[in-house]
Protein backbone atom coordinates (compact mmCIF):
# COMPACT_ATOMS: atom_id res chain seq x y z
CA MET A 1 18.96 -11.56 -21.83
CA ARG A 2 14.94 -12.42 -21.55
CA LYS A 3 14.76 -16.23 -20.88
CA SER A 4 12.10 -18.10 -23.03
CA ALA A 5 9.50 -20.11 -21.47
CA MET A 6 10.15 -23.80 -20.54
CA ASN A 7 8.03 -26.52 -19.48
CA SER A 8 5.48 -24.64 -17.03
CA LEU A 9 6.09 -27.30 -14.18
CA GLN A 10 9.71 -26.66 -13.94
CA LYS A 11 9.38 -22.72 -13.70
CA THR A 12 8.94 -20.45 -10.95
CA VAL A 13 8.59 -16.75 -10.40
CA ILE A 14 9.62 -14.77 -7.31
CA GLY A 15 7.54 -11.75 -5.83
CA VAL A 16 9.46 -9.19 -3.35
CA ASP A 17 7.39 -7.09 -1.03
CA VAL A 18 9.10 -3.97 0.81
CA GLY A 19 6.63 -3.07 3.49
CA SER A 20 6.58 -0.46 6.02
CA GLY A 21 8.41 -2.91 8.78
CA SER A 22 9.56 -5.73 7.03
CA VAL A 23 10.87 -7.22 3.62
CA ARG A 24 9.37 -10.41 2.15
CA ALA A 25 10.01 -12.59 -0.55
CA GLY A 26 7.77 -15.47 -1.92
CA ILE A 27 8.59 -18.21 -4.55
CA PHE A 28 5.28 -19.23 -6.79
CA ASP A 29 4.61 -21.96 -9.08
CA LEU A 30 2.81 -20.95 -12.46
CA SER A 31 -0.54 -21.69 -10.73
CA GLY A 32 -0.14 -19.22 -8.43
CA THR A 33 0.71 -21.60 -5.58
CA LEU A 34 2.98 -20.21 -2.96
CA LEU A 35 5.89 -22.64 -2.65
CA SER A 36 7.72 -20.57 0.33
CA HIS A 37 8.00 -17.05 1.69
CA VAL A 38 10.59 -15.34 4.24
CA THR A 39 10.30 -12.51 6.01
CA GLN A 40 13.00 -10.09 7.52
CA LYS A 41 12.47 -6.98 9.68
CA ILE A 42 13.55 -3.63 8.78
CA THR A 43 14.65 -0.49 10.65
CA THR A 44 12.15 2.48 10.58
CA THR A 45 13.53 5.57 12.47
CA HIS A 46 10.96 8.14 13.90
CA ARG A 47 12.16 11.58 14.45
CA SER A 48 10.53 14.70 15.89
CA GLY A 49 8.42 16.79 13.32
CA SER A 50 6.50 13.76 11.90
CA ARG A 51 9.50 12.52 10.23
CA VAL A 52 9.94 8.74 9.52
CA GLU A 53 13.09 7.45 7.69
CA GLN A 54 14.63 4.08 6.43
CA SER A 55 17.87 2.94 4.59
CA SER A 56 18.06 1.78 1.19
CA GLN A 57 21.17 0.10 1.89
CA GLU A 58 19.51 -2.00 4.69
CA ILE A 59 16.47 -2.65 2.77
CA TRP A 60 18.50 -4.07 -0.09
CA GLN A 61 20.31 -6.61 1.89
CA ALA A 62 17.13 -7.86 3.46
CA VAL A 63 15.75 -8.16 -0.10
CA CYS A 64 18.66 -10.49 -1.07
CA HIS A 65 18.39 -12.24 2.14
CA CYS A 66 14.90 -13.06 1.70
CA ILE A 67 15.33 -14.40 -1.90
CA ARG A 68 18.02 -16.49 -1.10
CA GLU A 69 16.25 -17.82 2.07
CA ALA A 70 13.04 -18.49 0.19
CA LEU A 71 14.74 -20.16 -2.78
CA ARG A 72 16.43 -22.54 -0.28
CA GLN A 73 13.43 -23.29 1.63
CA SER A 74 11.41 -23.90 -1.65
CA GLY A 75 13.77 -26.42 -2.94
CA ALA A 76 13.57 -24.77 -6.51
CA ALA A 77 16.53 -24.31 -8.47
CA PRO A 78 17.92 -20.80 -9.05
CA GLU A 79 17.74 -21.68 -12.79
CA SER A 80 14.08 -22.19 -12.64
CA VAL A 81 13.21 -18.68 -12.03
CA ALA A 82 11.51 -17.09 -14.89
CA GLY A 83 11.38 -13.51 -13.57
CA ILE A 84 11.18 -11.49 -10.33
CA GLY A 85 8.66 -8.58 -9.72
CA PHE A 86 9.13 -5.88 -6.78
CA ASP A 87 6.74 -3.84 -4.94
CA ALA A 88 7.37 -1.49 -2.23
CA THR A 89 5.74 1.24 -0.20
CA CYS A 90 5.57 4.75 -1.79
CA SER A 91 8.67 6.18 -0.10
CA LEU A 92 11.34 8.66 -1.27
CA VAL A 93 14.91 7.46 -2.10
CA VAL A 94 17.62 9.82 -2.49
CA LEU A 95 20.84 9.10 -3.90
CA ASP A 96 24.25 11.05 -4.82
CA LYS A 97 25.89 10.82 -8.15
CA ASN A 98 27.84 7.64 -6.93
CA GLY A 99 24.35 6.02 -6.17
CA ALA A 100 25.23 6.32 -2.44
CA PRO A 101 22.68 7.14 0.01
CA LEU A 102 22.10 10.93 1.09
CA PRO A 103 20.85 11.83 4.36
CA VAL A 104 17.39 13.14 4.48
CA SER A 105 17.72 14.70 8.18
CA ALA A 106 20.23 16.89 9.47
CA GLU A 107 20.75 14.64 12.25
CA GLY A 108 20.60 11.36 10.29
CA ASP A 109 23.73 9.32 9.14
CA ALA A 110 23.85 8.77 5.30
CA ALA A 111 22.12 5.70 5.65
CA GLN A 112 19.05 7.21 6.50
CA ASN A 113 18.16 8.16 3.05
CA ILE A 114 14.63 7.34 2.68
CA ILE A 115 11.59 9.57 3.65
CA VAL A 116 8.89 6.91 4.31
CA TRP A 117 5.40 7.25 2.99
CA MET A 118 3.73 8.01 6.30
CA ASP A 119 6.41 10.75 7.17
CA HIS A 120 4.17 14.10 7.33
CA ARG A 121 7.06 16.62 7.30
CA ALA A 122 5.86 18.12 4.26
CA THR A 123 2.36 19.11 5.34
CA GLU A 124 3.18 22.77 4.76
CA GLN A 125 4.64 22.35 1.23
CA ALA A 126 1.48 20.07 0.40
CA GLU A 127 -0.75 23.11 1.60
CA ARG A 128 1.24 25.52 -0.60
CA ILE A 129 1.03 23.32 -3.53
CA ASN A 130 -2.79 22.87 -3.18
CA ALA A 131 -2.99 26.38 -2.67
CA SER A 132 -1.74 26.82 -6.40
CA GLN A 133 -4.59 25.03 -7.56
CA HIS A 134 -2.49 24.12 -10.51
CA PRO A 135 -4.67 21.60 -13.31
CA VAL A 136 -2.29 18.72 -12.40
CA LEU A 137 -3.98 18.57 -9.01
CA ASN A 138 -7.26 17.27 -10.79
CA TYR A 139 -5.45 13.87 -11.29
CA VAL A 140 -4.78 13.56 -7.49
CA GLY A 141 -8.42 14.24 -6.42
CA GLY A 142 -7.92 17.66 -6.44
CA LYS A 143 -5.30 17.96 -3.33
CA ILE A 144 -1.96 16.54 -3.04
CA SER A 145 -1.15 14.75 0.10
CA PRO A 146 2.07 15.26 2.14
CA GLU A 147 2.46 11.58 1.59
CA MET A 148 3.16 12.06 -2.08
CA GLU A 149 6.83 12.81 -3.32
CA THR A 150 6.71 16.32 -4.73
CA PRO A 151 5.91 18.01 -1.58
CA LYS A 152 8.79 15.95 0.00
CA ILE A 153 11.19 16.99 -2.52
CA LEU A 154 10.23 20.66 -1.92
CA TRP A 155 10.76 20.13 1.88
CA LEU A 156 14.31 18.76 0.88
CA LYS A 157 14.93 21.68 -1.20
CA GLU A 158 13.76 24.30 1.55
CA ASN A 159 15.40 22.45 4.51
CA ARG A 160 18.40 20.22 3.13
CA ARG A 161 19.47 22.25 0.26
CA GLU A 162 22.67 20.82 -0.13
CA VAL A 163 21.09 17.23 -0.19
CA TYR A 164 18.52 18.89 -2.86
CA GLU A 165 21.35 19.96 -5.01
CA ASN A 166 23.79 16.87 -4.83
CA ALA A 167 20.95 14.33 -5.54
CA TRP A 168 21.70 12.43 -8.62
CA GLN A 169 18.43 10.53 -8.31
CA PHE A 170 15.15 10.81 -6.74
CA PHE A 171 13.50 7.41 -6.67
CA ASP A 172 10.24 5.76 -5.52
CA LEU A 173 11.29 2.91 -3.71
CA ALA A 174 9.99 0.34 -6.10
CA ASP A 175 11.80 2.10 -8.84
CA PHE A 176 15.25 1.97 -6.78
CA LEU A 177 15.10 -1.73 -6.31
CA THR A 178 14.55 -2.31 -9.78
CA TRP A 179 17.61 -0.02 -10.44
CA ARG A 180 19.60 -1.61 -7.97
CA ALA A 181 18.80 -5.27 -9.43
CA THR A 182 19.28 -4.24 -12.97
CA GLY A 183 21.11 -0.62 -13.40
CA ASP A 184 17.98 0.37 -15.48
CA LEU A 185 16.54 3.94 -14.53
CA ALA A 186 13.14 3.36 -15.90
CA ARG A 187 10.35 4.34 -13.63
CA SER A 188 6.86 2.71 -13.22
CA ILE A 189 3.82 4.21 -14.43
CA CYS A 190 2.51 3.14 -11.39
CA THR A 191 4.81 4.94 -8.96
CA VAL A 192 5.14 8.14 -10.73
CA THR A 193 1.61 8.40 -11.90
CA CYS A 194 0.17 8.03 -8.31
CA LYS A 195 2.74 9.81 -6.19
CA TRP A 196 4.86 12.13 -8.53
CA THR A 197 2.32 13.90 -10.67
CA TRP A 198 3.22 12.18 -14.08
CA LEU A 199 0.24 12.62 -16.41
CA ALA A 200 -0.07 8.99 -17.59
CA HIS A 201 -3.02 9.55 -20.07
CA GLU A 202 -0.65 12.05 -21.79
CA ASN A 203 2.56 10.41 -21.44
CA ARG A 204 4.27 13.48 -19.92
CA TRP A 205 5.49 15.39 -17.00
CA ASP A 206 3.97 19.01 -16.78
CA PRO A 207 6.91 21.48 -16.43
CA ASP A 208 4.85 24.26 -15.27
CA TYR A 209 3.52 22.47 -12.44
CA PHE A 210 6.88 22.08 -11.26
CA ARG A 211 8.03 25.63 -11.82
CA THR A 212 4.93 26.73 -10.25
CA ILE A 213 5.39 24.85 -6.95
CA GLY A 214 9.25 25.82 -6.89
CA LEU A 215 10.99 22.62 -8.33
CA ALA A 216 12.03 24.52 -11.49
CA GLU A 217 15.40 22.51 -11.46
CA LEU A 218 13.73 19.26 -11.98
CA ALA A 219 11.83 20.66 -15.19
CA ASP A 220 15.16 22.69 -16.41
CA ASP A 221 17.11 19.17 -16.32
CA GLU A 222 14.24 17.55 -18.51
CA PHE A 223 13.43 15.39 -15.28
CA ALA A 224 16.63 13.63 -15.51
CA ARG A 225 16.56 13.12 -11.61
CA ILE A 226 12.78 11.80 -11.28
CA GLY A 227 12.71 9.93 -14.55
CA GLN A 228 12.62 10.19 -18.19
CA ARG A 229 11.62 6.72 -19.28
CA ILE A 230 8.35 5.71 -17.62
CA VAL A 231 6.93 2.21 -18.53
CA PRO A 232 4.06 -0.18 -17.56
CA PRO A 233 4.46 -2.52 -14.44
CA GLY A 234 5.62 -5.88 -15.83
CA THR A 235 8.14 -4.33 -18.68
CA PRO A 236 11.44 -6.15 -18.49
CA CYS A 237 14.30 -4.02 -16.91
CA GLY A 238 17.41 -3.51 -18.84
CA ASP A 239 18.92 -7.15 -19.46
CA GLY A 240 17.66 -8.30 -16.36
CA LEU A 241 19.86 -8.95 -13.19
CA THR A 242 23.16 -7.61 -13.37
CA ALA A 243 26.47 -10.07 -12.18
CA GLN A 244 26.67 -8.21 -8.96
CA ALA A 245 23.03 -8.53 -8.03
CA ALA A 246 22.49 -12.13 -9.09
CA GLN A 247 25.43 -13.14 -7.12
CA GLU A 248 23.99 -11.13 -4.00
CA MET A 249 20.76 -12.95 -4.65
CA GLY A 250 21.85 -16.46 -5.56
CA LEU A 251 20.26 -16.29 -8.96
CA PRO A 252 21.85 -16.23 -12.57
CA ALA A 253 22.59 -13.07 -14.32
CA GLY A 254 20.13 -11.97 -16.66
CA THR A 255 17.30 -13.27 -14.95
CA PRO A 256 14.52 -10.85 -15.88
CA VAL A 257 13.33 -8.17 -13.62
CA ALA A 258 9.90 -6.52 -13.88
CA VAL A 259 9.18 -2.96 -13.90
CA GLY A 260 7.29 -2.80 -10.10
CA LEU A 261 4.52 -1.34 -8.25
CA ILE A 262 3.59 0.28 -5.07
CA ASP A 263 2.81 -2.24 -2.50
CA ALA A 264 -0.97 -1.68 -2.29
CA HIS A 265 -1.14 -1.69 -5.95
CA ALA A 266 0.56 -5.23 -5.87
CA GLY A 267 -2.25 -6.31 -3.68
CA GLY A 268 -4.63 -5.32 -6.34
CA ILE A 269 -2.91 -7.08 -8.92
CA GLY A 270 -2.98 -10.12 -6.89
CA THR A 271 -6.49 -10.21 -6.10
CA VAL A 272 -9.08 -8.33 -8.39
CA GLY A 273 -8.51 -10.81 -11.38
CA VAL A 274 -11.25 -13.07 -9.83
CA GLU A 275 -15.06 -12.88 -10.53
CA GLY A 276 -15.49 -10.80 -13.50
CA GLY A 277 -12.23 -8.89 -13.17
CA ALA A 278 -10.99 -5.56 -12.03
CA LEU A 279 -13.76 -3.71 -13.40
CA ASN A 280 -16.45 -5.65 -10.94
CA ASN A 281 -13.93 -5.64 -7.88
CA MET A 282 -12.65 -2.92 -5.29
CA ALA A 283 -9.29 -3.87 -3.95
CA TYR A 284 -8.86 -3.25 -0.45
CA VAL A 285 -5.38 -3.72 0.92
CA PHE A 286 -5.62 -3.67 4.81
CA GLY A 287 -2.21 -3.23 6.49
CA THR A 288 -0.46 -0.76 8.64
CA SER A 289 -2.48 1.83 6.24
CA SER A 290 -5.17 0.73 3.92
CA CYS A 291 -5.55 1.45 0.13
CA THR A 292 -8.74 0.97 -1.93
CA MET A 293 -8.32 0.52 -5.86
CA THR A 294 -11.13 0.96 -8.27
CA SER A 295 -10.57 0.38 -11.78
CA THR A 296 -12.81 1.93 -14.59
CA ASN A 297 -12.79 2.13 -18.34
CA ASP A 298 -13.05 5.92 -18.33
CA PRO A 299 -11.58 8.80 -16.11
CA VAL A 300 -13.85 9.42 -13.34
CA PHE A 301 -12.96 12.41 -11.02
CA VAL A 302 -13.97 11.79 -7.33
CA PRO A 303 -13.04 14.80 -4.90
CA GLY A 304 -10.56 13.72 -2.05
CA VAL A 305 -9.75 10.31 -3.84
CA TRP A 306 -6.61 10.12 -5.80
CA GLY A 307 -6.70 9.87 -9.39
CA PRO A 308 -8.00 9.11 -11.56
CA TYR A 309 -4.67 7.41 -12.99
CA TYR A 310 -4.25 5.76 -16.19
CA SER A 311 -2.82 2.29 -16.31
CA ALA A 312 -1.55 2.68 -12.86
CA MET A 313 -2.73 -0.58 -11.89
CA VAL A 314 -4.14 -2.65 -14.83
CA PRO A 315 -2.71 -1.39 -18.09
CA GLY A 316 -5.35 0.23 -20.13
CA LEU A 317 -7.90 0.81 -17.28
CA TRP A 318 -8.16 4.13 -15.32
CA LEU A 319 -7.68 3.83 -11.37
CA VAL A 320 -9.07 5.90 -8.50
CA GLU A 321 -7.15 5.21 -5.39
CA GLY A 322 -8.39 5.92 -1.81
CA GLY A 323 -7.40 4.53 1.70
CA GLN A 324 -6.91 5.26 5.40
CA SER A 325 -3.64 6.47 6.58
CA ALA A 326 -3.80 4.33 9.56
CA ALA A 327 -5.65 1.19 9.68
CA GLY A 328 -3.95 -1.73 11.25
CA ALA A 329 -1.73 0.94 12.95
CA ALA A 330 -4.98 2.74 14.10
CA ILE A 331 -6.30 -0.55 15.76
CA ASP A 332 -2.61 -1.03 17.66
CA GLN A 333 -2.87 2.72 18.72
CA LEU A 334 -6.60 2.32 19.88
CA LEU A 335 -5.82 -0.78 21.83
CA ALA A 336 -2.77 0.82 23.70
CA PHE A 337 -4.99 3.44 25.45
CA HIS A 338 -7.01 0.74 27.28
CA PRO A 339 -6.02 -0.41 30.90
CA ALA A 340 -6.63 -3.98 29.99
CA ALA A 341 -4.30 -3.83 26.95
CA GLU A 342 -1.19 -4.86 28.80
CA ASP A 343 -2.57 -7.94 30.42
CA ALA A 344 -4.25 -8.94 27.21
CA ARG A 345 -0.79 -8.34 25.57
CA LYS A 346 0.63 -10.93 27.85
CA LEU A 347 -2.01 -13.53 27.54
CA ALA A 348 -1.46 -12.94 23.51
CA GLN A 349 2.21 -13.47 23.83
CA GLU A 350 1.81 -16.79 25.74
CA ALA A 351 -0.76 -18.05 23.22
CA GLY A 352 1.84 -16.77 20.41
CA LEU A 353 -0.43 -14.40 18.74
CA PRO A 354 -0.41 -10.92 17.73
CA LEU A 355 -2.71 -8.92 20.10
CA PRO A 356 -5.40 -8.00 17.42
CA VAL A 357 -5.66 -11.80 16.26
CA TYR A 358 -5.92 -12.82 19.92
CA LEU A 359 -8.65 -10.58 20.63
CA ALA A 360 -10.56 -11.41 17.41
CA ASP A 361 -10.20 -15.07 18.74
CA ARG A 362 -11.82 -13.93 21.95
CA VAL A 363 -14.84 -12.02 20.34
CA SER A 364 -15.40 -15.06 18.10
CA GLU A 365 -15.87 -17.09 21.32
CA LYS A 366 -18.39 -14.65 22.40
CA ALA A 367 -20.33 -14.19 19.01
CA PRO A 368 -21.84 -17.24 17.90
CA GLN A 369 -21.69 -15.75 14.27
CA ALA A 370 -18.79 -12.85 13.44
CA SER A 371 -21.74 -10.62 12.54
CA ASP A 372 -22.96 -10.76 16.22
CA ALA A 373 -20.10 -9.10 17.13
CA VAL A 374 -21.32 -5.52 16.90
CA THR A 375 -23.72 -6.37 19.81
CA LEU A 376 -20.71 -6.28 21.93
CA VAL A 377 -19.70 -2.58 21.25
CA ALA A 378 -21.87 -1.38 24.11
CA GLY A 379 -22.42 2.31 22.72
CA ILE A 380 -18.58 2.73 21.86
CA HIS A 381 -17.91 4.54 18.76
CA VAL A 382 -14.35 5.10 17.18
CA VAL A 383 -13.42 7.65 14.29
CA PRO A 384 -9.91 5.96 13.89
CA GLU A 385 -8.16 8.92 12.02
CA PHE A 386 -4.95 9.21 14.11
CA LEU A 387 -2.94 9.89 11.07
CA GLY A 388 -5.66 12.16 9.32
CA ASN A 389 -8.19 11.12 6.66
CA ARG A 390 -6.66 9.91 3.13
CA ALA A 391 -9.87 9.78 1.29
CA PRO A 392 -12.27 11.10 0.80
CA PHE A 393 -11.49 14.40 2.24
CA ALA A 394 -7.61 14.54 1.94
CA ASP A 395 -7.39 16.04 5.12
CA PRO A 396 -3.86 15.50 7.28
CA HIS A 397 -5.04 17.52 9.89
CA ALA A 398 -8.17 14.86 10.85
CA ARG A 399 -7.66 13.27 14.14
CA ALA A 400 -9.28 10.30 15.73
CA VAL A 401 -12.60 10.26 17.89
CA ILE A 402 -13.57 7.76 20.62
CA CYS A 403 -16.67 8.14 22.31
CA GLY A 404 -18.82 6.07 24.71
CA LEU A 405 -15.78 4.94 27.15
CA GLY A 406 -16.81 4.33 30.81
CA MET A 407 -14.71 3.22 33.76
CA GLU A 408 -14.42 -0.34 32.99
CA ARG A 409 -10.90 -1.56 32.83
CA ASP A 410 -11.54 -5.61 31.98
CA LEU A 411 -10.89 -7.63 28.83
CA ASP A 412 -14.61 -7.62 27.94
CA ASN A 413 -14.49 -3.66 27.65
CA LEU A 414 -11.14 -3.97 25.68
CA LEU A 415 -13.04 -6.41 23.13
CA ALA A 416 -15.66 -3.94 22.92
CA LEU A 417 -13.32 -0.93 22.29
CA TYR A 418 -11.78 -3.38 19.63
CA VAL A 419 -14.86 -4.44 17.82
CA ALA A 420 -15.87 -0.67 17.74
CA GLY A 421 -12.30 0.37 16.05
CA LEU A 422 -13.00 -2.31 13.32
CA CYS A 423 -16.38 -1.14 12.47
CA GLY A 424 -14.86 2.57 12.46
CA ILE A 425 -12.47 1.16 9.97
CA GLY A 426 -15.43 -0.28 8.13
CA TYR A 427 -17.30 2.90 7.95
CA GLY A 428 -14.39 4.81 6.92
CA LEU A 429 -14.33 2.19 3.78
CA ARG A 430 -17.84 2.76 3.14
CA GLN A 431 -17.23 6.35 3.18
CA ILE A 432 -14.82 6.16 0.30
CA ILE A 433 -17.45 3.74 -1.53
CA ASP A 434 -20.27 6.22 -1.20
CA ALA A 435 -18.11 8.96 -2.47
CA GLN A 436 -17.18 6.90 -5.59
CA THR A 437 -20.92 5.78 -5.79
CA ALA A 438 -21.97 9.09 -5.90
CA CYS A 439 -19.61 9.88 -9.05
CA GLY A 440 -21.14 6.92 -10.82
CA VAL A 441 -18.31 4.17 -9.73
CA ARG A 442 -19.76 1.12 -8.60
CA ASN A 443 -18.25 -2.19 -7.32
CA LYS A 444 -19.78 -5.57 -6.80
CA ASN A 445 -17.50 -6.80 -4.45
CA ILE A 446 -14.32 -5.88 -2.18
CA VAL A 447 -11.46 -8.19 -2.59
CA ILE A 448 -9.29 -7.95 0.55
CA SER A 449 -5.61 -8.54 1.19
CA GLY A 450 -3.24 -7.20 3.46
CA GLY A 451 -1.96 -8.58 7.27
CA ALA A 452 -4.72 -6.76 9.09
CA GLY A 453 -7.32 -8.08 7.22
CA GLN A 454 -6.76 -11.93 7.46
CA HIS A 455 -9.10 -12.96 10.42
CA PRO A 456 -12.69 -14.10 9.18
CA LEU A 457 -14.12 -11.80 11.97
CA VAL A 458 -12.58 -8.77 10.17
CA ARG A 459 -13.57 -9.76 6.84
CA GLN A 460 -17.20 -10.56 8.12
CA LEU A 461 -17.28 -7.03 10.06
CA LEU A 462 -16.05 -5.07 6.86
CA ALA A 463 -18.81 -6.92 4.66
CA ASP A 464 -21.51 -5.97 7.27
CA THR A 465 -20.28 -2.14 7.66
CA CYS A 466 -19.95 -1.58 4.11
CA GLY A 467 -23.01 -3.45 2.65
CA LEU A 468 -21.04 -5.32 0.09
CA PRO A 469 -19.60 -8.89 -0.31
CA VAL A 470 -15.96 -9.33 0.75
CA LEU A 471 -13.97 -11.85 -1.22
CA THR A 472 -10.57 -13.70 -0.37
CA THR A 473 -8.11 -15.34 -2.65
CA GLN A 474 -6.65 -18.58 -2.21
CA CYS A 475 -3.34 -17.34 -2.16
CA SER A 476 -2.16 -16.35 1.57
CA GLU A 477 0.09 -13.80 0.29
CA PRO A 478 -1.58 -11.83 -2.24
CA VAL A 479 0.72 -8.69 -2.21
CA LEU A 480 3.80 -11.03 -2.95
CA LEU A 481 1.86 -12.72 -5.72
CA GLY A 482 0.72 -9.29 -7.22
CA SER A 483 4.71 -8.77 -7.70
CA ALA A 484 5.30 -12.30 -8.62
CA ILE A 485 2.66 -11.64 -11.74
CA LEU A 486 4.69 -8.86 -12.93
CA GLY A 487 8.00 -11.40 -12.98
CA ALA A 488 5.95 -13.88 -14.91
CA VAL A 489 5.10 -10.98 -17.50
CA ALA A 490 8.80 -9.98 -17.79
CA GLY A 491 9.87 -13.50 -17.87
CA ASN A 492 7.40 -14.35 -20.85
CA ILE A 493 5.14 -16.60 -18.89
CA SER A 494 2.27 -14.49 -19.56
CA PRO A 495 1.55 -12.09 -22.38
CA SER A 496 -0.13 -9.50 -20.31
CA VAL A 497 -0.66 -8.45 -16.86
CA ALA A 498 -4.21 -8.81 -17.35
CA GLU A 499 -4.00 -12.49 -18.60
CA ALA A 500 -1.82 -13.27 -15.96
CA MET A 501 -4.07 -12.06 -13.17
CA THR A 502 -6.57 -14.68 -14.40
CA GLN A 503 -4.12 -17.28 -14.58
CA PHE A 504 -2.64 -16.57 -11.02
CA THR A 505 -5.65 -15.65 -8.97
CA HIS A 506 -8.56 -17.60 -7.58
CA VAL A 507 -11.45 -17.04 -5.25
CA ASP A 508 -11.47 -18.59 -1.88
CA THR A 509 -14.17 -17.48 0.52
CA CYS A 510 -16.95 -14.92 0.13
CA TYR A 511 -18.12 -12.90 3.16
CA TYR A 512 -21.63 -11.75 2.76
CA PRO A 513 -23.06 -8.99 4.58
CA GLN A 514 -25.89 -10.09 6.92
CA THR A 515 -29.22 -8.16 6.59
CA ALA A 516 -30.28 -8.53 10.32
CA TYR A 517 -27.78 -6.10 11.23
CA GLN A 518 -27.89 -3.58 8.43
CA PRO A 519 -30.21 -1.08 10.19
CA LEU A 520 -27.72 -1.07 13.32
CA HIS A 521 -24.88 -0.45 11.10
CA HIS A 522 -26.68 2.08 9.21
CA ARG A 523 -27.38 3.99 12.49
CA ARG A 524 -23.76 3.65 13.70
CA TYR A 525 -22.36 5.04 10.30
CA GLU A 526 -24.62 7.92 10.54
CA ALA A 527 -23.03 8.48 14.12
CA TYR A 528 -19.83 7.95 12.82
CA LYS A 529 -20.13 10.93 10.32
CA GLN A 530 -21.80 13.20 12.75
CA LEU A 531 -18.79 12.48 15.13
CA GLN A 532 -16.16 13.10 12.16
CA HIS A 533 -17.89 16.32 11.41
CA MET A 534 -17.81 17.46 14.70
CA ALA A 535 -14.30 16.87 15.28
CA LYS A 536 -13.46 18.89 12.36
CA MET A 537 -15.78 21.74 13.74
CA LEU A 538 -13.97 21.69 17.00
CA ARG A 539 -10.54 21.54 15.49
CA GLU A 540 -11.31 24.50 13.23
């Protein structure tokens, strides 16, 4: 049963985030203050053929552990929890009729039943789907990505036919979590609209699309295996936590559970409510990959940018979604090539810091102002598309370009490469902003979240490269906060997602673009685009 709101000072909400490499849970009070949070790593298995897999059983166990431990550390009573919200990567979970995992690779055990978002095994299937030019594709930026779910399901049908036929449910990971917690098969408008081709503005699947691409069985079953009840994020699931899930989490049975979100969209919910709200702000979630989310009153079609999606993040608003397939991961890959990386990594370990943070600190020592860091790049240019271009070209075959390296092997040259890589991330973001602006979409600010974007140097360089203010919010874990906001709505703490965003989110710092370096960044941005174009020409 849903709980009624009690004294707000006594109540808490829980946000759970399942990322690419870890599960996190956070306990929040009703002002949006993070009381405690706990992280547990999860296993990611990389196989040949661009296959990347995880286990839903391992993830569920990590979710329960993190909730129990976060509650213990916060000192909050289990009875104080008004609601729980989940977010997760847009990964595909496959279960049999007993709710047990089905293996998604021939050499995998049954526990490996998740095709992770970054898995590109379905590139050929995505290209065939795109060749159909089906009208549904207009709502994914004109091209479907191998990161989305229908190409992956088609791959299973063509390569793991027994698994495809025995699958009882294909879940997006966030929807799996709410089902596992409550037994409710409801899907989130966010997950199925953004990654499965649900037409939210028409409240329907398109059977002709599935028959055209070779997944007629899903349409013939009236979509029972991918979702028949599609509802907005924040909607209460069933009667709340089942007795079994409640015992595993250390919470009362019946605790409200919200329909969830994709992880990046939770970052949007946890940030863009500030400074005039979602229509003023682009959400930029900078993690292993990056996502950009821009809300509009009316549908806007931007070639190469996903969407427009109706009510996929903020209910009642349209969403266009871009991003970079590799962002934080691109920086890690870039640094690994340099001869000084191993020595720098040892120094970072001695300092108790991740290598990118250690390097950002060293750059900050050399640059009196963060914006001055661009003077250190020494003619190095980086197009960091190691895993393709998610937007605005929707090109999974794009690859990175590194230009301007010499014979240097020292730490200073590694710092220059690092700054050039950050600038490359910024120019890629600027390219998405430019594509959206050309179609009439304008934002006043970029609101940043995600682990790779926490350092002040990174934030300032993004502001300088894009020419827009970069805002941060007071909560140190805005993705977790976004999920907790959904829990607040499901638990009757807030009447709507939009109102909860205002209640829970607050501006912290604003990083303004420095005009002195705008001409230099403009020249470097033009070089970025030329290198990107040249790489495409050479590849073709």
